[in-house]
Amino acid sequence: MTSLELAKYIDHTLLTPEATSRDIAKLCREANEMKVAAVCISPSLLPLPNGLLSDDIALACVTGFPSGAHSATTKAGEAATAVENGATEIDMVMNLGFVHDSMWLELGDEISVVRKGIGSSVKLKVIIESGALSDEQIVMTCRVAVANGADFVKTSTGFHKSGGATVRAVQLMRETVGESIGVKASGGIRTRESALEMIKAGASRLGTSATRTILAG
């Protein structure tokens, strides 16, 4: 795979709490140069100045980040505001407590509320924090996410103590959702080798802040 082909898998990401508008401008310039699929940033840093990000690059924004322990209406409102401010993709952190309590209806309702809040044209990625779940929980969570409007399931925030993406989790997620739903691997992907392993396992997007290192490989 060429570096240009690999770049089309990458969401060039900056989600550190101390990120400034200057940092985001640098992120977007790098994204334009490397021709990645998207940038992924926090909602407080929107809207972007006109012309800062190429029209060919998606603008992803997180909601309920990083814990997911927000109300559904809060997540939906945050996501809707991000879309009003230019976001074309939403990466939503689901409520882990719902999963561990097997509250599948509540989890589905939460995802559905966010889906309705952003409209059908915006891609919705549901972050499941796979490192904190059993295989059975990963499968059920992915099924609930897809049934309630997710376009992607995503492994991790990269901020949870359980760690980031693993090949095993990506494989299981891909097996569960099939080929029509996206799988985003995120958290701990810092080398070209690990990026390619995730793609081979079934990832259709990669979330990383180490984009330049990965593409230089």
Protein backbone atom coordinates (compact mmCIF):
# COMPACT_ATOMS: atom_id res chain seq x y z
CA MET A 1 0.00 0.00 0.00
CA THR A 2 1.36 3.42 -0.94
CA SER A 3 1.46 6.26 1.55
CA LEU A 4 -1.21 8.11 -0.43
CA GLU A 5 -3.49 5.06 -0.28
CA LEU A 6 -2.84 4.63 3.43
CA ALA A 7 -3.61 8.30 4.10
CA LYS A 8 -7.17 7.75 2.85
CA TYR A 9 -7.77 5.49 5.86
CA ILE A 10 -6.66 8.04 8.44
CA ASP A 11 -8.56 10.45 10.68
CA HIS A 12 -5.75 12.87 11.64
CA THR A 13 -6.61 13.48 15.29
CA LEU A 14 -6.02 16.07 17.99
CA LEU A 15 -8.13 15.67 21.14
CA THR A 16 -5.81 16.83 23.93
CA PRO A 17 -7.60 19.15 26.38
CA GLU A 18 -4.98 21.87 25.94
CA ALA A 19 -5.30 22.05 22.13
CA THR A 20 -5.56 25.63 20.86
CA SER A 21 -6.91 27.19 17.68
CA ARG A 22 -3.30 27.49 16.52
CA ASP A 23 -2.81 23.76 17.06
CA ILE A 24 -5.96 23.02 15.06
CA ALA A 25 -4.78 25.25 12.22
CA LYS A 26 -1.53 23.26 12.12
CA LEU A 27 -3.49 19.98 12.18
CA CYS A 28 -5.57 21.08 9.21
CA ARG A 29 -2.54 22.23 7.21
CA GLU A 30 -0.95 18.83 7.84
CA ALA A 31 -4.17 17.07 6.82
CA ASN A 32 -4.33 19.03 3.57
CA GLU A 33 -0.70 18.21 2.82
CA MET A 34 -1.02 14.49 3.61
CA LYS A 35 -4.47 14.13 1.97
CA VAL A 36 -6.02 12.15 4.82
CA ALA A 37 -9.67 11.06 5.05
CA ALA A 38 -10.60 13.37 7.93
CA VAL A 39 -9.47 15.41 10.88
CA CYS A 40 -10.98 14.66 14.29
CA ILE A 41 -11.20 17.41 16.92
CA SER A 42 -13.15 18.60 19.96
CA PRO A 43 -16.43 20.51 19.51
CA SER A 44 -15.24 23.62 21.34
CA LEU A 45 -12.74 24.26 18.53
CA LEU A 46 -15.45 24.71 15.90
CA PRO A 47 -16.22 26.38 13.60
CA LEU A 48 -13.03 26.35 11.57
CA PRO A 49 -11.99 29.44 9.61
CA ASN A 50 -13.18 29.35 6.01
CA GLY A 51 -10.72 27.61 3.71
CA LEU A 52 -8.58 26.14 6.47
CA LEU A 53 -9.52 22.53 5.68
CA SER A 54 -9.73 21.16 2.16
CA ASP A 55 -13.25 20.33 0.96
CA ASP A 56 -11.98 16.80 0.17
CA ILE A 57 -11.31 16.11 3.86
CA ALA A 58 -14.10 15.27 6.32
CA LEU A 59 -14.43 17.18 9.58
CA ALA A 60 -15.06 14.75 12.44
CA CYS A 61 -15.97 15.91 15.93
CA VAL A 62 -16.32 13.96 19.19
CA THR A 63 -19.32 14.04 21.50
CA GLY A 64 -19.64 12.72 25.03
CA PHE A 65 -15.85 12.61 25.09
CA PRO A 66 -13.97 10.96 26.68
CA SER A 67 -16.07 9.19 29.35
CA GLY A 68 -19.41 8.73 27.59
CA ALA A 69 -21.10 9.30 30.96
CA HIS A 70 -23.30 12.11 29.67
CA SER A 71 -27.03 12.13 29.14
CA ALA A 72 -28.30 11.24 25.69
CA THR A 73 -29.79 14.70 25.25
CA THR A 74 -26.47 16.31 26.16
CA LYS A 75 -24.63 14.20 23.60
CA ALA A 76 -27.26 14.89 20.96
CA GLY A 77 -27.17 18.62 21.61
CA GLU A 78 -23.39 18.74 21.50
CA ALA A 79 -23.37 16.73 18.27
CA ALA A 80 -26.07 18.87 16.64
CA THR A 81 -24.18 22.05 17.50
CA ALA A 82 -21.00 20.57 16.04
CA VAL A 83 -22.84 19.81 12.80
CA GLU A 84 -24.21 23.36 12.69
CA ASN A 85 -20.59 24.50 13.04
CA GLY A 86 -19.36 22.41 10.12
CA ALA A 87 -18.81 18.85 11.35
CA THR A 88 -19.60 16.19 8.75
CA GLU A 89 -18.87 13.20 11.02
CA ILE A 90 -19.62 12.61 14.71
CA ASP A 91 -17.59 10.23 16.91
CA MET A 92 -19.89 9.51 19.86
CA VAL A 93 -18.69 7.87 23.07
CA MET A 94 -21.37 5.43 24.21
CA ASN A 95 -22.34 4.88 27.84
CA LEU A 96 -20.18 2.01 29.12
CA GLY A 97 -22.37 1.63 32.19
CA PHE A 98 -25.29 0.62 29.99
CA VAL A 99 -23.20 -2.18 28.50
CA HIS A 100 -21.93 -3.51 31.82
CA ASP A 101 -25.49 -3.45 33.20
CA SER A 102 -26.81 -5.11 30.01
CA MET A 103 -29.14 -2.14 29.47
CA TRP A 104 -29.33 -2.70 25.73
CA LEU A 105 -32.57 -0.79 25.17
CA GLU A 106 -31.14 2.26 26.93
CA LEU A 107 -27.95 2.02 24.89
CA GLY A 108 -29.95 1.81 21.69
CA ASP A 109 -32.10 4.78 22.69
CA GLU A 110 -29.00 6.87 23.40
CA ILE A 111 -27.50 6.15 19.98
CA SER A 112 -30.85 6.74 18.29
CA VAL A 113 -31.25 10.15 19.95
CA VAL A 114 -27.85 11.27 18.66
CA ARG A 115 -28.60 9.84 15.21
CA LYS A 116 -31.84 11.83 15.01
CA GLY A 117 -30.12 14.95 16.32
CA ILE A 118 -27.54 15.09 13.54
CA GLY A 119 -29.62 13.98 10.56
CA SER A 120 -29.06 11.21 8.08
CA SER A 121 -26.35 12.86 5.99
CA VAL A 122 -23.77 13.04 8.80
CA LYS A 123 -21.69 9.92 9.49
CA LEU A 124 -22.13 8.59 13.04
CA LYS A 125 -19.28 6.62 14.62
CA VAL A 126 -20.05 4.93 17.95
CA ILE A 127 -17.01 4.51 20.21
CA ILE A 128 -17.43 1.28 22.18
CA GLU A 129 -14.18 1.29 24.25
CA SER A 130 -13.47 -2.30 23.21
CA GLY A 131 -10.63 -2.78 25.70
CA ALA A 132 -13.11 -2.47 28.56
CA LEU A 133 -15.50 -5.10 27.12
CA SER A 134 -15.65 -8.86 26.81
CA ASP A 135 -15.98 -10.42 23.36
CA GLU A 136 -19.68 -11.02 24.01
CA GLN A 137 -20.18 -7.40 25.02
CA ILE A 138 -18.33 -6.18 21.91
CA VAL A 139 -20.60 -8.24 19.67
CA MET A 140 -23.82 -7.13 21.37
CA THR A 141 -22.74 -3.48 21.49
CA CYS A 142 -21.90 -3.47 17.79
CA ARG A 143 -25.27 -5.02 16.96
CA VAL A 144 -27.13 -2.42 19.02
CA ALA A 145 -25.11 0.43 17.46
CA VAL A 146 -25.86 -0.69 13.90
CA ALA A 147 -29.54 -1.29 14.67
CA ASN A 148 -29.85 2.29 15.92
CA GLY A 149 -28.19 4.09 13.05
CA ALA A 150 -24.42 3.89 13.44
CA ASP A 151 -22.42 4.18 10.22
CA PHE A 152 -19.23 3.09 12.00
CA VAL A 153 -18.25 1.31 15.18
CA LYS A 154 -14.99 2.56 16.68
CA THR A 155 -12.71 0.74 19.10
CA SER A 156 -11.54 3.37 21.56
CA THR A 157 -11.18 6.95 22.70
CA GLY A 158 -7.48 6.47 23.41
CA PHE A 159 -8.10 7.97 26.87
CA HIS A 160 -9.42 4.90 28.74
CA LYS A 161 -7.17 2.91 31.10
CA SER A 162 -8.13 -0.32 29.26
CA GLY A 163 -6.03 0.77 26.28
CA GLY A 164 -6.67 1.31 22.60
CA ALA A 165 -7.32 -0.74 19.50
CA THR A 166 -6.29 -4.37 19.18
CA VAL A 167 -6.26 -6.60 16.13
CA ARG A 168 -8.58 -9.05 17.91
CA ALA A 169 -11.18 -6.36 18.65
CA VAL A 170 -11.10 -5.05 15.09
CA GLN A 171 -11.53 -8.55 13.69
CA LEU A 172 -14.47 -9.25 15.98
CA MET A 173 -16.12 -5.93 15.18
CA ARG A 174 -15.76 -6.51 11.45
CA GLU A 175 -17.16 -10.03 11.73
CA THR A 176 -20.13 -8.65 13.66
CA VAL A 177 -21.10 -5.67 11.51
CA GLY A 178 -20.31 -7.11 8.07
CA GLU A 179 -18.95 -5.17 5.14
CA SER A 180 -21.57 -2.41 4.89
CA ILE A 181 -20.66 -0.72 8.20
CA GLY A 182 -17.37 1.04 8.88
CA VAL A 183 -14.92 -0.08 11.56
CA LYS A 184 -12.57 2.54 12.97
CA ALA A 185 -9.49 1.46 14.93
CA SER A 186 -8.23 4.14 17.28
CA GLY A 187 -5.88 4.40 20.23
CA GLY A 188 -2.23 3.37 20.23
CA ILE A 189 -1.72 3.24 16.46
CA ARG A 190 1.68 4.87 16.03
CA THR A 191 3.58 2.89 13.37
CA ARG A 192 3.00 1.94 9.76
CA GLU A 193 3.16 -1.72 10.76
CA SER A 194 0.38 -1.39 13.33
CA ALA A 195 -1.74 0.67 10.91
CA LEU A 196 -1.47 -2.00 8.23
CA GLU A 197 -2.27 -4.73 10.76
CA MET A 198 -5.50 -2.93 11.69
CA ILE A 199 -6.49 -2.57 8.05
CA LYS A 200 -5.78 -6.24 7.41
CA ALA A 201 -7.95 -7.10 10.42
CA GLY A 202 -10.86 -5.18 8.92
CA ALA A 203 -10.50 -1.50 9.81
CA SER A 204 -11.80 0.94 7.22
CA ARG A 205 -10.62 4.00 9.19
CA LEU A 206 -7.76 4.66 11.59
CA GLY A 207 -7.75 7.34 14.25
CA THR A 208 -4.25 8.56 15.10
CA SER A 209 -2.19 11.58 16.02
CA ALA A 210 0.95 9.93 14.60
CA THR A 211 -0.08 10.30 10.97
CA ARG A 212 3.18 11.72 9.65
CA THR A 213 5.25 8.98 11.31
CA ILE A 214 2.92 6.29 9.98
CA LEU A 215 3.00 7.59 6.42
CA ALA A 216 6.78 8.04 6.52
CA GLY A 217 6.96 4.42 7.74
